[in-house]
Amino acid sequence: MPTILVADDDANIRELVCLFLRNDGLSTVEAADGKEALAVYASTQVDLVVLDIMMPIMDGWTLCKELRRANPDLPLLMLTARGETWEKVKGFQLGTDDYLTKPFDPMELTVRVRALLKRYRIGSTQSIQLGNIILDRQTYKVTRGTESLTLPLKEFELLYKLAGTPGQIFTRDQLIDQIWGIDYAGDDRTIDVHIKRLRERFASSPDFHIETVRGLGYRLEVQE
């Protein structure tokens, strides 16, 4: 049973969110601020975090950054009482996967949590299938039907990262840190070059496309 960490300084909201998540068959743990949330995360197997932005001691921005540093693949759903575009942009830049503005429908939150859990179960496997294309992380091989494709290592890792969580927006900085490493001293336009090459390689593929999200970064969309 997946365990969801709900971090919010409002006890009523924590109670409501946890009630709906438990009714949907999920386990929950709670924290009243970012510092407490980090302590709970360190001592509990957590599969996803629902976090509020405005919390005492440690706010949601800092918590998001710390959780991303600890686990780049942990699903994060951010809550806020505000709806300004800049807050959404900042949230995605810090690594949140989804965004919900208060007041929200608890049923919608449950659906979004389930969608993120499903998306990340795909991302945690060693093999990802995009229609007719299969990416094998153990052998670093790409197959398209009966055809075997050879990709440079960084191109494979970039495609695998994007394909592991379809629909998630990754900034250039996140992709650099997670694929090239935090000590990488090159130009962040390296990402653009690799994205361009991947698009060229799979230009004729009807299974997916890599979308540019202006002002944010990139995401892979699976073609229905």
N, C-alpha and C. Protein backbone atom coordinates (compact mmCIF):
# COMPACT_ATOMS: atom_id res chain seq x y z
N MET A 1 0.85 -1.19 0.00
CA MET A 1 0.00 0.00 0.00
C MET A 1 0.89 1.25 0.00
N PRO A 2 0.74 2.12 -0.98
CA PRO A 2 1.55 3.36 -1.03
C PRO A 2 1.29 4.25 0.18
N THR A 3 2.33 4.91 0.64
CA THR A 3 2.23 5.82 1.78
C THR A 3 2.42 7.26 1.31
N ILE A 4 1.47 8.12 1.68
CA ILE A 4 1.49 9.51 1.27
C ILE A 4 1.80 10.39 2.48
N LEU A 5 2.80 11.24 2.36
CA LEU A 5 3.12 12.23 3.40
C LEU A 5 2.38 13.52 3.08
N VAL A 6 1.54 13.97 4.02
CA VAL A 6 0.78 15.21 3.86
C VAL A 6 1.38 16.25 4.79
N ALA A 7 1.98 17.29 4.22
CA ALA A 7 2.64 18.34 5.00
C ALA A 7 1.87 19.64 4.85
N ASP A 8 1.22 20.08 5.92
CA ASP A 8 0.41 21.31 5.90
C ASP A 8 0.25 21.77 7.34
N ASP A 9 0.37 23.07 7.58
CA ASP A 9 0.25 23.56 8.95
C ASP A 9 -1.21 23.67 9.41
N ASP A 10 -2.15 23.49 8.50
CA ASP A 10 -3.57 23.53 8.84
C ASP A 10 -4.04 22.11 9.17
N ALA A 11 -4.33 21.85 10.44
CA ALA A 11 -4.72 20.51 10.87
C ALA A 11 -6.00 20.04 10.19
N ASN A 12 -6.91 20.96 9.93
CA ASN A 12 -8.17 20.59 9.28
C ASN A 12 -7.94 20.10 7.85
N ILE A 13 -7.04 20.77 7.14
CA ILE A 13 -6.74 20.35 5.77
C ILE A 13 -6.03 19.00 5.79
N ARG A 14 -5.09 18.81 6.71
CA ARG A 14 -4.41 17.52 6.81
C ARG A 14 -5.42 16.41 7.06
N GLU A 15 -6.34 16.66 7.98
CA GLU A 15 -7.34 15.65 8.32
C GLU A 15 -8.22 15.32 7.11
N LEU A 16 -8.64 16.35 6.38
CA LEU A 16 -9.50 16.14 5.22
C LEU A 16 -8.77 15.37 4.12
N VAL A 17 -7.53 15.81 3.80
CA VAL A 17 -6.76 15.15 2.75
C VAL A 17 -6.49 13.69 3.12
N CYS A 18 -6.06 13.47 4.35
CA CYS A 18 -5.75 12.10 4.78
C CYS A 18 -6.99 11.21 4.76
N LEU A 19 -8.14 11.77 5.15
CA LEU A 19 -9.39 11.00 5.14
C LEU A 19 -9.71 10.51 3.73
N PHE A 20 -9.64 11.40 2.75
CA PHE A 20 -9.96 11.02 1.38
C PHE A 20 -8.92 10.04 0.82
N LEU A 21 -7.66 10.24 1.15
CA LEU A 21 -6.62 9.33 0.66
C LEU A 21 -6.78 7.94 1.26
N ARG A 22 -7.08 7.89 2.57
CA ARG A 22 -7.28 6.58 3.22
C ARG A 22 -8.52 5.88 2.68
N ASN A 23 -9.57 6.65 2.40
CA ASN A 23 -10.77 6.06 1.82
C ASN A 23 -10.51 5.50 0.43
N ASP A 24 -9.46 5.99 -0.20
CA ASP A 24 -9.09 5.48 -1.53
C ASP A 24 -8.06 4.36 -1.43
N GLY A 25 -7.82 3.87 -0.22
CA GLY A 25 -6.95 2.73 -0.04
C GLY A 25 -5.48 3.05 0.11
N LEU A 26 -5.17 4.30 0.46
CA LEU A 26 -3.79 4.72 0.62
C LEU A 26 -3.46 4.93 2.10
N SER A 27 -2.21 4.71 2.46
CA SER A 27 -1.74 4.98 3.81
C SER A 27 -1.23 6.41 3.89
N THR A 28 -1.38 7.06 5.04
CA THR A 28 -0.95 8.46 5.17
C THR A 28 -0.13 8.67 6.44
N VAL A 29 0.79 9.62 6.36
CA VAL A 29 1.50 10.16 7.52
C VAL A 29 1.45 11.67 7.39
N GLU A 30 1.59 12.38 8.54
CA GLU A 30 1.38 13.82 8.53
C GLU A 30 2.56 14.59 9.09
N ALA A 31 2.64 15.87 8.69
CA ALA A 31 3.62 16.80 9.25
C ALA A 31 3.02 18.20 9.22
N ALA A 32 3.33 18.99 10.27
CA ALA A 32 2.75 20.32 10.40
C ALA A 32 3.63 21.43 9.83
N ASP A 33 4.87 21.08 9.45
CA ASP A 33 5.76 22.07 8.84
C ASP A 33 6.83 21.32 8.05
N GLY A 34 7.64 22.08 7.31
CA GLY A 34 8.63 21.45 6.45
C GLY A 34 9.69 20.67 7.20
N LYS A 35 10.12 21.20 8.35
CA LYS A 35 11.15 20.53 9.14
C LYS A 35 10.64 19.18 9.64
N GLU A 36 9.41 19.18 10.14
CA GLU A 36 8.82 17.92 10.60
C GLU A 36 8.64 16.95 9.44
N ALA A 37 8.29 17.48 8.28
CA ALA A 37 8.10 16.63 7.10
C ALA A 37 9.40 15.92 6.72
N LEU A 38 10.53 16.62 6.79
CA LEU A 38 11.82 16.00 6.48
C LEU A 38 12.13 14.89 7.48
N ALA A 39 11.80 15.11 8.75
CA ALA A 39 12.04 14.09 9.77
C ALA A 39 11.18 12.86 9.52
N VAL A 40 9.92 13.08 9.16
CA VAL A 40 9.02 11.95 8.85
C VAL A 40 9.53 11.21 7.62
N TYR A 41 9.95 11.96 6.62
CA TYR A 41 10.45 11.33 5.39
C TYR A 41 11.69 10.47 5.67
N ALA A 42 12.54 10.95 6.57
CA ALA A 42 13.78 10.24 6.87
C ALA A 42 13.53 8.94 7.63
N SER A 43 12.38 8.85 8.32
CA SER A 43 12.11 7.67 9.15
C SER A 43 11.01 6.77 8.60
N THR A 44 10.42 7.15 7.49
CA THR A 44 9.28 6.42 6.94
C THR A 44 9.47 6.19 5.44
N GLN A 45 9.01 5.04 4.97
CA GLN A 45 9.02 4.78 3.53
C GLN A 45 7.86 5.55 2.90
N VAL A 46 8.17 6.66 2.26
CA VAL A 46 7.14 7.53 1.68
C VAL A 46 7.17 7.39 0.16
N ASP A 47 5.99 7.26 -0.45
CA ASP A 47 5.91 7.08 -1.90
C ASP A 47 5.54 8.36 -2.64
N LEU A 48 4.96 9.32 -1.93
CA LEU A 48 4.55 10.59 -2.54
C LEU A 48 4.34 11.61 -1.44
N VAL A 49 4.61 12.89 -1.74
CA VAL A 49 4.42 13.96 -0.76
C VAL A 49 3.45 15.00 -1.30
N VAL A 50 2.44 15.32 -0.48
CA VAL A 50 1.54 16.45 -0.73
C VAL A 50 1.99 17.56 0.22
N LEU A 51 2.43 18.70 -0.32
CA LEU A 51 2.99 19.74 0.55
C LEU A 51 2.40 21.10 0.26
N ASP A 52 2.16 21.83 1.34
CA ASP A 52 1.67 23.21 1.26
C ASP A 52 2.86 24.16 1.12
N ILE A 53 2.65 25.29 0.47
CA ILE A 53 3.73 26.27 0.33
C ILE A 53 3.93 27.06 1.62
N MET A 54 2.83 27.60 2.16
CA MET A 54 2.94 28.50 3.31
C MET A 54 2.90 27.71 4.61
N MET A 55 4.09 27.33 5.11
CA MET A 55 4.21 26.61 6.37
C MET A 55 5.26 27.31 7.24
N PRO A 56 5.11 27.22 8.56
CA PRO A 56 6.11 27.82 9.46
C PRO A 56 7.39 26.98 9.52
N ILE A 57 8.42 27.56 10.09
CA ILE A 57 9.72 26.92 10.33
C ILE A 57 10.46 26.63 9.02
N MET A 58 9.84 25.82 8.16
CA MET A 58 10.39 25.59 6.83
C MET A 58 9.24 25.57 5.83
N ASP A 59 9.26 26.48 4.86
CA ASP A 59 8.14 26.58 3.92
C ASP A 59 8.21 25.49 2.84
N GLY A 60 7.16 25.45 2.02
CA GLY A 60 7.07 24.43 0.99
C GLY A 60 8.14 24.53 -0.08
N TRP A 61 8.58 25.76 -0.39
CA TRP A 61 9.64 25.93 -1.38
C TRP A 61 10.91 25.20 -0.92
N THR A 62 11.30 25.47 0.32
CA THR A 62 12.52 24.86 0.85
C THR A 62 12.36 23.36 1.00
N LEU A 63 11.18 22.93 1.46
CA LEU A 63 10.92 21.50 1.60
C LEU A 63 11.02 20.79 0.25
N CYS A 64 10.42 21.38 -0.77
CA CYS A 64 10.49 20.81 -2.11
C CYS A 64 11.94 20.65 -2.56
N LYS A 65 12.74 21.68 -2.34
CA LYS A 65 14.15 21.65 -2.74
C LYS A 65 14.91 20.54 -1.99
N GLU A 66 14.65 20.41 -0.68
CA GLU A 66 15.34 19.41 0.13
C GLU A 66 14.91 17.99 -0.26
N LEU A 67 13.63 17.80 -0.52
CA LEU A 67 13.15 16.48 -0.92
C LEU A 67 13.71 16.08 -2.29
N ARG A 68 13.80 17.05 -3.20
CA ARG A 68 14.36 16.78 -4.52
C ARG A 68 15.84 16.41 -4.41
N ARG A 69 16.53 17.07 -3.48
CA ARG A 69 17.95 16.77 -3.28
C ARG A 69 18.11 15.34 -2.72
N ALA A 70 17.20 14.94 -1.84
CA ALA A 70 17.28 13.62 -1.23
C ALA A 70 16.86 12.52 -2.20
N ASN A 71 15.85 12.82 -3.02
CA ASN A 71 15.32 11.81 -3.94
C ASN A 71 14.75 12.48 -5.18
N PRO A 72 15.51 12.52 -6.28
CA PRO A 72 15.05 13.19 -7.51
C PRO A 72 13.79 12.57 -8.11
N ASP A 73 13.47 11.33 -7.72
CA ASP A 73 12.34 10.64 -8.34
C ASP A 73 11.12 10.56 -7.43
N LEU A 74 11.11 11.28 -6.31
CA LEU A 74 9.96 11.26 -5.41
C LEU A 74 8.85 12.15 -5.96
N PRO A 75 7.63 11.61 -6.15
CA PRO A 75 6.53 12.44 -6.66
C PRO A 75 6.11 13.50 -5.65
N LEU A 76 5.96 14.74 -6.12
CA LEU A 76 5.59 15.86 -5.26
C LEU A 76 4.36 16.57 -5.83
N LEU A 77 3.36 16.78 -4.98
CA LEU A 77 2.16 17.53 -5.35
C LEU A 77 2.07 18.73 -4.42
N MET A 78 2.13 19.93 -4.99
CA MET A 78 2.19 21.16 -4.19
C MET A 78 0.81 21.79 -4.06
N LEU A 79 0.49 22.22 -2.84
CA LEU A 79 -0.76 22.94 -2.55
C LEU A 79 -0.44 24.39 -2.22
N THR A 80 -1.32 25.28 -2.62
CA THR A 80 -1.14 26.68 -2.26
C THR A 80 -2.47 27.39 -2.26
N ALA A 81 -2.56 28.44 -1.47
CA ALA A 81 -3.78 29.24 -1.43
C ALA A 81 -3.80 30.27 -2.54
N ARG A 82 -2.70 30.38 -3.26
CA ARG A 82 -2.59 31.37 -4.32
C ARG A 82 -2.58 30.71 -5.68
N GLY A 83 -2.86 31.49 -6.72
CA GLY A 83 -2.89 30.92 -8.04
C GLY A 83 -2.07 31.68 -9.06
N GLU A 84 -1.12 32.50 -8.59
CA GLU A 84 -0.33 33.28 -9.53
C GLU A 84 0.56 32.39 -10.39
N THR A 85 0.74 32.80 -11.64
CA THR A 85 1.53 32.00 -12.57
C THR A 85 2.96 31.85 -12.09
N TRP A 86 3.54 32.90 -11.51
CA TRP A 86 4.94 32.83 -11.10
C TRP A 86 5.15 31.76 -10.04
N GLU A 87 4.13 31.53 -9.19
CA GLU A 87 4.26 30.50 -8.16
C GLU A 87 4.27 29.11 -8.80
N LYS A 88 3.44 28.94 -9.83
CA LYS A 88 3.45 27.66 -10.53
C LYS A 88 4.80 27.43 -11.20
N VAL A 89 5.30 28.47 -11.83
CA VAL A 89 6.60 28.36 -12.50
C VAL A 89 7.69 28.01 -11.48
N LYS A 90 7.70 28.71 -10.36
CA LYS A 90 8.71 28.45 -9.34
C LYS A 90 8.59 27.03 -8.80
N GLY A 91 7.36 26.58 -8.61
CA GLY A 91 7.15 25.22 -8.12
C GLY A 91 7.71 24.18 -9.07
N PHE A 92 7.45 24.34 -10.37
CA PHE A 92 7.97 23.39 -11.35
C PHE A 92 9.49 23.48 -11.45
N GLN A 93 10.02 24.68 -11.32
CA GLN A 93 11.48 24.84 -11.38
C GLN A 93 12.16 24.15 -10.20
N LEU A 94 11.49 24.12 -9.06
CA LEU A 94 12.05 23.47 -7.88
C LEU A 94 11.84 21.96 -7.90
N GLY A 95 10.97 21.49 -8.80
CA GLY A 95 10.84 20.05 -8.96
C GLY A 95 9.49 19.45 -8.63
N THR A 96 8.47 20.28 -8.34
CA THR A 96 7.16 19.69 -8.08
C THR A 96 6.59 19.09 -9.37
N ASP A 97 5.79 18.03 -9.22
CA ASP A 97 5.24 17.33 -10.38
C ASP A 97 3.85 17.81 -10.75
N ASP A 98 3.11 18.28 -9.75
CA ASP A 98 1.75 18.74 -10.01
C ASP A 98 1.43 19.83 -9.02
N TYR A 99 0.32 20.53 -9.26
CA TYR A 99 0.01 21.77 -8.56
C TYR A 99 -1.49 21.85 -8.37
N LEU A 100 -1.92 22.16 -7.16
CA LEU A 100 -3.35 22.30 -6.88
C LEU A 100 -3.55 23.54 -6.01
N THR A 101 -4.48 24.41 -6.42
CA THR A 101 -4.72 25.66 -5.71
C THR A 101 -5.88 25.51 -4.73
N LYS A 102 -5.69 26.00 -3.50
CA LYS A 102 -6.77 26.01 -2.51
C LYS A 102 -7.77 27.11 -2.84
N PRO A 103 -9.05 26.90 -2.58
CA PRO A 103 -9.66 25.65 -2.10
C PRO A 103 -9.72 24.63 -3.24
N PHE A 104 -9.57 23.37 -2.91
CA PHE A 104 -9.57 22.32 -3.92
C PHE A 104 -10.58 21.24 -3.57
N ASP A 105 -10.93 20.47 -4.57
CA ASP A 105 -11.84 19.34 -4.39
C ASP A 105 -11.00 18.14 -3.94
N PRO A 106 -11.24 17.60 -2.75
CA PRO A 106 -10.44 16.46 -2.28
C PRO A 106 -10.46 15.27 -3.23
N MET A 107 -11.56 15.10 -3.95
CA MET A 107 -11.63 14.00 -4.91
C MET A 107 -10.66 14.24 -6.08
N GLU A 108 -10.53 15.50 -6.49
CA GLU A 108 -9.57 15.82 -7.55
C GLU A 108 -8.15 15.56 -7.06
N LEU A 109 -7.86 15.93 -5.81
CA LEU A 109 -6.53 15.67 -5.27
C LEU A 109 -6.23 14.17 -5.27
N THR A 110 -7.22 13.36 -4.87
CA THR A 110 -7.03 11.91 -4.86
C THR A 110 -6.73 11.38 -6.25
N VAL A 111 -7.45 11.89 -7.24
CA VAL A 111 -7.22 11.46 -8.62
C VAL A 111 -5.81 11.84 -9.07
N ARG A 112 -5.37 13.05 -8.73
CA ARG A 112 -4.03 13.50 -9.11
C ARG A 112 -2.95 12.67 -8.42
N VAL A 113 -3.17 12.33 -7.16
CA VAL A 113 -2.23 11.47 -6.44
C VAL A 113 -2.12 10.12 -7.11
N ARG A 114 -3.25 9.53 -7.45
CA ARG A 114 -3.25 8.23 -8.12
C ARG A 114 -2.53 8.31 -9.46
N ALA A 115 -2.74 9.39 -10.19
CA ALA A 115 -2.09 9.55 -11.49
C ALA A 115 -0.57 9.65 -11.33
N LEU A 116 -0.12 10.37 -10.31
CA LEU A 116 1.32 10.48 -10.07
C LEU A 116 1.93 9.15 -9.65
N LEU A 117 1.23 8.40 -8.81
CA LEU A 117 1.73 7.09 -8.39
C LEU A 117 1.84 6.15 -9.60
N LYS A 118 0.84 6.20 -10.46
CA LYS A 118 0.88 5.36 -11.66
C LYS A 118 2.04 5.77 -12.56
N ARG A 119 2.23 7.07 -12.72
CA ARG A 119 3.30 7.58 -13.57
C ARG A 119 4.67 7.16 -13.04
N TYR A 120 4.85 7.23 -11.73
CA TYR A 120 6.15 6.92 -11.16
C TYR A 120 6.42 5.43 -11.05
N ARG A 121 5.39 4.61 -11.03
CA ARG A 121 5.62 3.17 -11.09
C ARG A 121 6.23 2.82 -12.44
N ILE A 122 5.81 3.53 -13.48
CA ILE A 122 6.42 3.34 -14.79
C ILE A 122 7.87 3.78 -14.74
N GLY A 123 8.13 4.92 -14.10
CA GLY A 123 9.47 5.46 -14.04
C GLY A 123 10.44 4.62 -13.25
N SER A 124 9.94 3.78 -12.31
CA SER A 124 10.83 3.00 -11.48
C SER A 124 11.22 1.67 -12.09
N THR A 125 10.64 1.29 -13.23
CA THR A 125 10.97 0.03 -13.86
C THR A 125 12.27 0.17 -14.64
N GLN A 126 12.85 -0.98 -15.03
CA GLN A 126 14.08 -0.99 -15.81
C GLN A 126 13.79 -0.99 -17.30
N SER A 127 12.52 -1.17 -17.66
CA SER A 127 12.13 -1.18 -19.06
C SER A 127 10.91 -0.30 -19.25
N ILE A 128 10.97 0.59 -20.22
CA ILE A 128 9.86 1.49 -20.50
C ILE A 128 9.41 1.28 -21.93
N GLN A 129 8.11 1.17 -22.12
CA GLN A 129 7.56 0.99 -23.46
C GLN A 129 6.75 2.21 -23.86
N LEU A 130 7.06 2.74 -25.03
CA LEU A 130 6.32 3.85 -25.62
C LEU A 130 5.76 3.38 -26.95
N GLY A 131 4.57 2.80 -26.90
CA GLY A 131 4.01 2.24 -28.13
C GLY A 131 4.87 1.11 -28.65
N ASN A 132 5.46 1.31 -29.82
CA ASN A 132 6.28 0.30 -30.47
C ASN A 132 7.75 0.36 -30.04
N ILE A 133 8.08 1.32 -29.19
CA ILE A 133 9.47 1.55 -28.79
C ILE A 133 9.68 1.08 -27.35
N ILE A 134 10.77 0.34 -27.13
CA ILE A 134 11.11 -0.16 -25.80
C ILE A 134 12.50 0.33 -25.41
N LEU A 135 12.60 0.93 -24.22
CA LEU A 135 13.87 1.38 -23.68
C LEU A 135 14.27 0.44 -22.55
N ASP A 136 15.42 -0.19 -22.66
CA ASP A 136 15.90 -1.14 -21.66
C ASP A 136 17.07 -0.51 -20.90
N ARG A 137 16.85 -0.17 -19.63
CA ARG A 137 17.86 0.53 -18.84
C ARG A 137 19.04 -0.39 -18.50
N GLN A 138 18.78 -1.70 -18.38
CA GLN A 138 19.86 -2.60 -18.00
C GLN A 138 20.89 -2.77 -19.12
N THR A 139 20.42 -2.78 -20.36
CA THR A 139 21.34 -2.98 -21.49
C THR A 139 21.58 -1.71 -22.28
N TYR A 140 20.83 -0.64 -21.96
CA TYR A 140 20.90 0.63 -22.68
C TYR A 140 20.59 0.44 -24.17
N LYS A 141 19.67 -0.49 -24.45
CA LYS A 141 19.26 -0.74 -25.83
C LYS A 141 17.88 -0.14 -26.08
N VAL A 142 17.69 0.31 -27.29
CA VAL A 142 16.39 0.81 -27.73
C VAL A 142 15.94 -0.04 -28.91
N THR A 143 14.73 -0.57 -28.83
CA THR A 143 14.19 -1.33 -29.95
C THR A 143 12.90 -0.68 -30.43
N ARG A 144 12.74 -0.69 -31.73
CA ARG A 144 11.53 -0.16 -32.36
C ARG A 144 11.01 -1.26 -33.26
N GLY A 145 10.06 -2.02 -32.75
CA GLY A 145 9.60 -3.21 -33.47
C GLY A 145 10.72 -4.23 -33.52
N THR A 146 11.13 -4.61 -34.70
CA THR A 146 12.25 -5.55 -34.87
C THR A 146 13.58 -4.82 -35.06
N GLU A 147 13.53 -3.51 -35.11
CA GLU A 147 14.74 -2.72 -35.34
C GLU A 147 15.43 -2.37 -34.03
N SER A 148 16.75 -2.50 -34.00
CA SER A 148 17.53 -2.14 -32.82
C SER A 148 18.24 -0.81 -33.09
N LEU A 149 18.09 0.14 -32.16
CA LEU A 149 18.68 1.46 -32.32
C LEU A 149 19.81 1.66 -31.32
N THR A 150 20.85 2.34 -31.74
CA THR A 150 21.97 2.65 -30.86
C THR A 150 21.98 4.15 -30.60
N LEU A 151 21.84 4.52 -29.32
CA LEU A 151 21.86 5.93 -28.92
C LEU A 151 23.10 6.19 -28.08
N PRO A 152 23.72 7.36 -28.23
CA PRO A 152 24.77 7.75 -27.29
C PRO A 152 24.22 7.71 -25.87
N LEU A 153 25.09 7.44 -24.90
CA LEU A 153 24.66 7.21 -23.52
C LEU A 153 23.80 8.35 -22.98
N LYS A 154 24.25 9.59 -23.15
CA LYS A 154 23.51 10.71 -22.58
C LYS A 154 22.16 10.91 -23.25
N GLU A 155 22.08 10.63 -24.55
CA GLU A 155 20.80 10.71 -25.24
C GLU A 155 19.84 9.66 -24.68
N PHE A 156 20.37 8.44 -24.46
CA PHE A 156 19.52 7.39 -23.89
C PHE A 156 19.02 7.79 -22.51
N GLU A 157 19.93 8.27 -21.66
CA GLU A 157 19.55 8.63 -20.30
C GLU A 157 18.53 9.77 -20.29
N LEU A 158 18.70 10.72 -21.19
CA LEU A 158 17.77 11.84 -21.28
C LEU A 158 16.39 11.36 -21.71
N LEU A 159 16.34 10.52 -22.73
CA LEU A 159 15.06 9.99 -23.20
C LEU A 159 14.42 9.12 -22.13
N TYR A 160 15.23 8.30 -21.45
CA TYR A 160 14.71 7.42 -20.41
C TYR A 160 14.12 8.23 -19.26
N LYS A 161 14.80 9.32 -18.91
CA LYS A 161 14.32 10.18 -17.82
C LYS A 161 12.97 10.80 -18.19
N LEU A 162 12.87 11.33 -19.38
CA LEU A 162 11.62 11.97 -19.80
C LEU A 162 10.50 10.94 -19.95
N ALA A 163 10.85 9.76 -20.49
CA ALA A 163 9.84 8.73 -20.74
C ALA A 163 9.38 8.06 -19.46
N GLY A 164 10.22 8.11 -18.42
CA GLY A 164 9.86 7.47 -17.17
C GLY A 164 8.67 8.11 -16.48
N THR A 165 8.48 9.40 -16.69
CA THR A 165 7.35 10.12 -16.10
C THR A 165 6.72 11.01 -17.17
N PRO A 166 5.97 10.41 -18.10
CA PRO A 166 5.36 11.19 -19.18
C PRO A 166 4.48 12.31 -18.63
N GLY A 167 4.59 13.47 -19.26
CA GLY A 167 3.79 14.61 -18.85
C GLY A 167 4.45 15.49 -17.81
N GLN A 168 5.50 14.99 -17.13
CA GLN A 168 6.18 15.82 -16.13
C GLN A 168 7.13 16.80 -16.81
N ILE A 169 7.12 18.03 -16.33
CA ILE A 169 8.01 19.06 -16.85
C ILE A 169 9.34 19.00 -16.12
N PHE A 170 10.43 18.94 -16.88
CA PHE A 170 11.77 19.00 -16.33
C PHE A 170 12.45 20.28 -16.82
N THR A 171 13.04 21.03 -15.91
CA THR A 171 13.81 22.20 -16.32
C THR A 171 15.17 21.75 -16.83
N ARG A 172 15.86 22.63 -17.53
CA ARG A 172 17.22 22.30 -18.00
C ARG A 172 18.13 21.98 -16.82
N ASP A 173 18.02 22.79 -15.74
CA ASP A 173 18.88 22.58 -14.58
C ASP A 173 18.65 21.21 -13.95
N GLN A 174 17.40 20.80 -13.86
CA GLN A 174 17.09 19.48 -13.29
C GLN A 174 17.69 18.37 -14.14
N LEU A 175 17.55 18.48 -15.45
CA LEU A 175 18.08 17.45 -16.34
C LEU A 175 19.61 17.42 -16.30
N ILE A 176 20.22 18.59 -16.24
CA ILE A 176 21.68 18.64 -16.12
C ILE A 176 22.13 17.95 -14.83
N ASP A 177 21.48 18.32 -13.70
CA ASP A 177 21.87 17.76 -12.40
C ASP A 177 21.69 16.25 -12.36
N GLN A 178 20.57 15.76 -12.91
CA GLN A 178 20.23 14.35 -12.76
C GLN A 178 20.92 13.45 -13.79
N ILE A 179 21.37 14.01 -14.90
CA ILE A 179 22.00 13.19 -15.94
C ILE A 179 23.49 13.47 -16.07
N TRP A 180 23.87 14.73 -16.06
CA TRP A 180 25.29 15.09 -16.17
C TRP A 180 25.96 15.23 -14.80
N GLY A 181 25.15 15.49 -13.76
CA GLY A 181 25.69 15.63 -12.42
C GLY A 181 25.80 17.09 -12.01
N ILE A 182 25.73 17.32 -10.69
CA ILE A 182 25.70 18.70 -10.18
C ILE A 182 27.02 19.43 -10.39
N ASP A 183 28.10 18.69 -10.66
CA ASP A 183 29.40 19.32 -10.87
C ASP A 183 29.66 19.66 -12.34
N TYR A 184 28.67 19.40 -13.19
CA TYR A 184 28.83 19.68 -14.62
C TYR A 184 29.07 21.17 -14.84
N ALA A 185 30.10 21.49 -15.58
CA ALA A 185 30.48 22.90 -15.75
C ALA A 185 30.20 23.41 -17.16
N GLY A 186 29.53 22.62 -17.98
CA GLY A 186 29.27 23.02 -19.36
C GLY A 186 28.06 23.92 -19.50
N ASP A 187 27.70 24.19 -20.72
CA ASP A 187 26.58 25.06 -21.07
C ASP A 187 25.27 24.30 -20.90
N ASP A 188 24.25 24.95 -20.27
CA ASP A 188 22.98 24.26 -20.11
C ASP A 188 22.26 24.08 -21.45
N ARG A 189 22.77 24.72 -22.52
CA ARG A 189 22.19 24.51 -23.85
C ARG A 189 22.53 23.12 -24.39
N THR A 190 23.40 22.41 -23.67
CA THR A 190 23.66 21.01 -24.00
C THR A 190 22.35 20.23 -24.06
N ILE A 191 21.44 20.54 -23.15
CA ILE A 191 20.14 19.87 -23.15
C ILE A 191 19.40 20.11 -24.45
N ASP A 192 19.41 21.35 -24.92
CA ASP A 192 18.71 21.68 -26.16
C ASP A 192 19.27 20.88 -27.33
N VAL A 193 20.59 20.74 -27.38
CA VAL A 193 21.23 19.99 -28.46
C VAL A 193 20.80 18.53 -28.43
N HIS A 194 20.79 17.92 -27.25
CA HIS A 194 20.40 16.52 -27.13
C HIS A 194 18.92 16.32 -27.44
N ILE A 195 18.10 17.26 -27.01
CA ILE A 195 16.67 17.18 -27.32
C ILE A 195 16.47 17.24 -28.84
N LYS A 196 17.18 18.14 -29.50
CA LYS A 196 17.08 18.28 -30.95
C LYS A 196 17.45 16.96 -31.65
N ARG A 197 18.52 16.31 -31.17
CA ARG A 197 18.94 15.05 -31.78
C ARG A 197 17.91 13.95 -31.56
N LEU A 198 17.33 13.91 -30.37
CA LEU A 198 16.31 12.90 -30.10
C LEU A 198 15.08 13.12 -30.98
N ARG A 199 14.70 14.37 -31.14
CA ARG A 199 13.55 14.67 -32.01
C ARG A 199 13.83 14.23 -33.45
N GLU A 200 15.05 14.44 -33.90
CA GLU A 200 15.41 14.04 -35.26
C GLU A 200 15.40 12.52 -35.40
N ARG A 201 15.90 11.81 -34.39
CA ARG A 201 15.95 10.36 -34.45
C ARG A 201 14.56 9.74 -34.49
N PHE A 202 13.64 10.35 -33.75
CA PHE A 202 12.30 9.79 -33.63
C PHE A 202 11.23 10.66 -34.29
N ALA A 203 11.64 11.40 -35.30
CA ALA A 203 10.73 12.32 -35.98
C ALA A 203 9.54 11.59 -36.59
N SER A 204 9.77 10.37 -37.05
CA SER A 204 8.70 9.63 -37.71
C SER A 204 7.90 8.75 -36.75
N SER A 205 8.26 8.79 -35.47
CA SER A 205 7.58 7.93 -34.50
C SER A 205 6.21 8.49 -34.15
N PRO A 206 5.15 7.66 -34.23
CA PRO A 206 3.82 8.11 -33.84
C PRO A 206 3.55 7.88 -32.35
N ASP A 207 4.56 7.38 -31.62
CA ASP A 207 4.33 6.94 -30.25
C ASP A 207 4.50 8.03 -29.20
N PHE A 208 5.34 9.02 -29.47
CA PHE A 208 5.57 10.07 -28.49
C PHE A 208 6.17 11.29 -29.18
N HIS A 209 6.15 12.41 -28.47
CA HIS A 209 6.90 13.59 -28.91
C HIS A 209 7.40 14.34 -27.68
N ILE A 210 8.51 15.03 -27.84
CA ILE A 210 9.09 15.82 -26.75
C ILE A 210 8.67 17.27 -26.96
N GLU A 211 7.97 17.78 -25.98
CA GLU A 211 7.39 19.13 -26.09
C GLU A 211 8.22 20.14 -25.31
N THR A 212 8.41 21.30 -25.91
CA THR A 212 9.05 22.42 -25.21
C THR A 212 7.99 23.20 -24.46
N VAL A 213 8.18 23.38 -23.15
CA VAL A 213 7.26 24.17 -22.34
C VAL A 213 7.94 25.51 -22.10
N ARG A 214 7.46 26.53 -22.79
CA ARG A 214 8.14 27.83 -22.80
C ARG A 214 8.32 28.38 -21.39
N GLY A 215 9.54 28.76 -21.08
CA GLY A 215 9.85 29.34 -19.78
C GLY A 215 10.10 28.33 -18.69
N LEU A 216 9.87 27.03 -18.98
CA LEU A 216 10.05 26.00 -17.97
C LEU A 216 11.08 24.96 -18.39
N GLY A 217 10.81 24.24 -19.46
CA GLY A 217 11.73 23.17 -19.87
C GLY A 217 11.11 22.24 -20.89
N TYR A 218 11.20 20.94 -20.61
CA TYR A 218 10.73 19.93 -21.56
C TYR A 218 9.89 18.88 -20.87
N ARG A 219 8.99 18.26 -21.65
CA ARG A 219 8.27 17.09 -21.17
C ARG A 219 7.97 16.18 -22.35
N LEU A 220 7.85 14.91 -22.07
CA LEU A 220 7.53 13.93 -23.10
C LEU A 220 6.05 13.62 -23.02
N GLU A 221 5.38 13.67 -24.14
CA GLU A 221 3.97 13.36 -24.23
C GLU A 221 3.78 12.10 -25.05
N VAL A 222 3.03 11.15 -24.48
CA VAL A 222 2.74 9.90 -25.19
C VAL A 222 1.56 10.15 -26.12
N GLN A 223 1.70 9.73 -27.35
CA GLN A 223 0.62 9.88 -28.32
C GLN A 223 -0.42 8.80 -28.11
N GLU A 224 -1.67 9.20 -27.99
CA GLU A 224 -2.76 8.22 -27.80
C GLU A 224 -3.07 7.54 -29.13
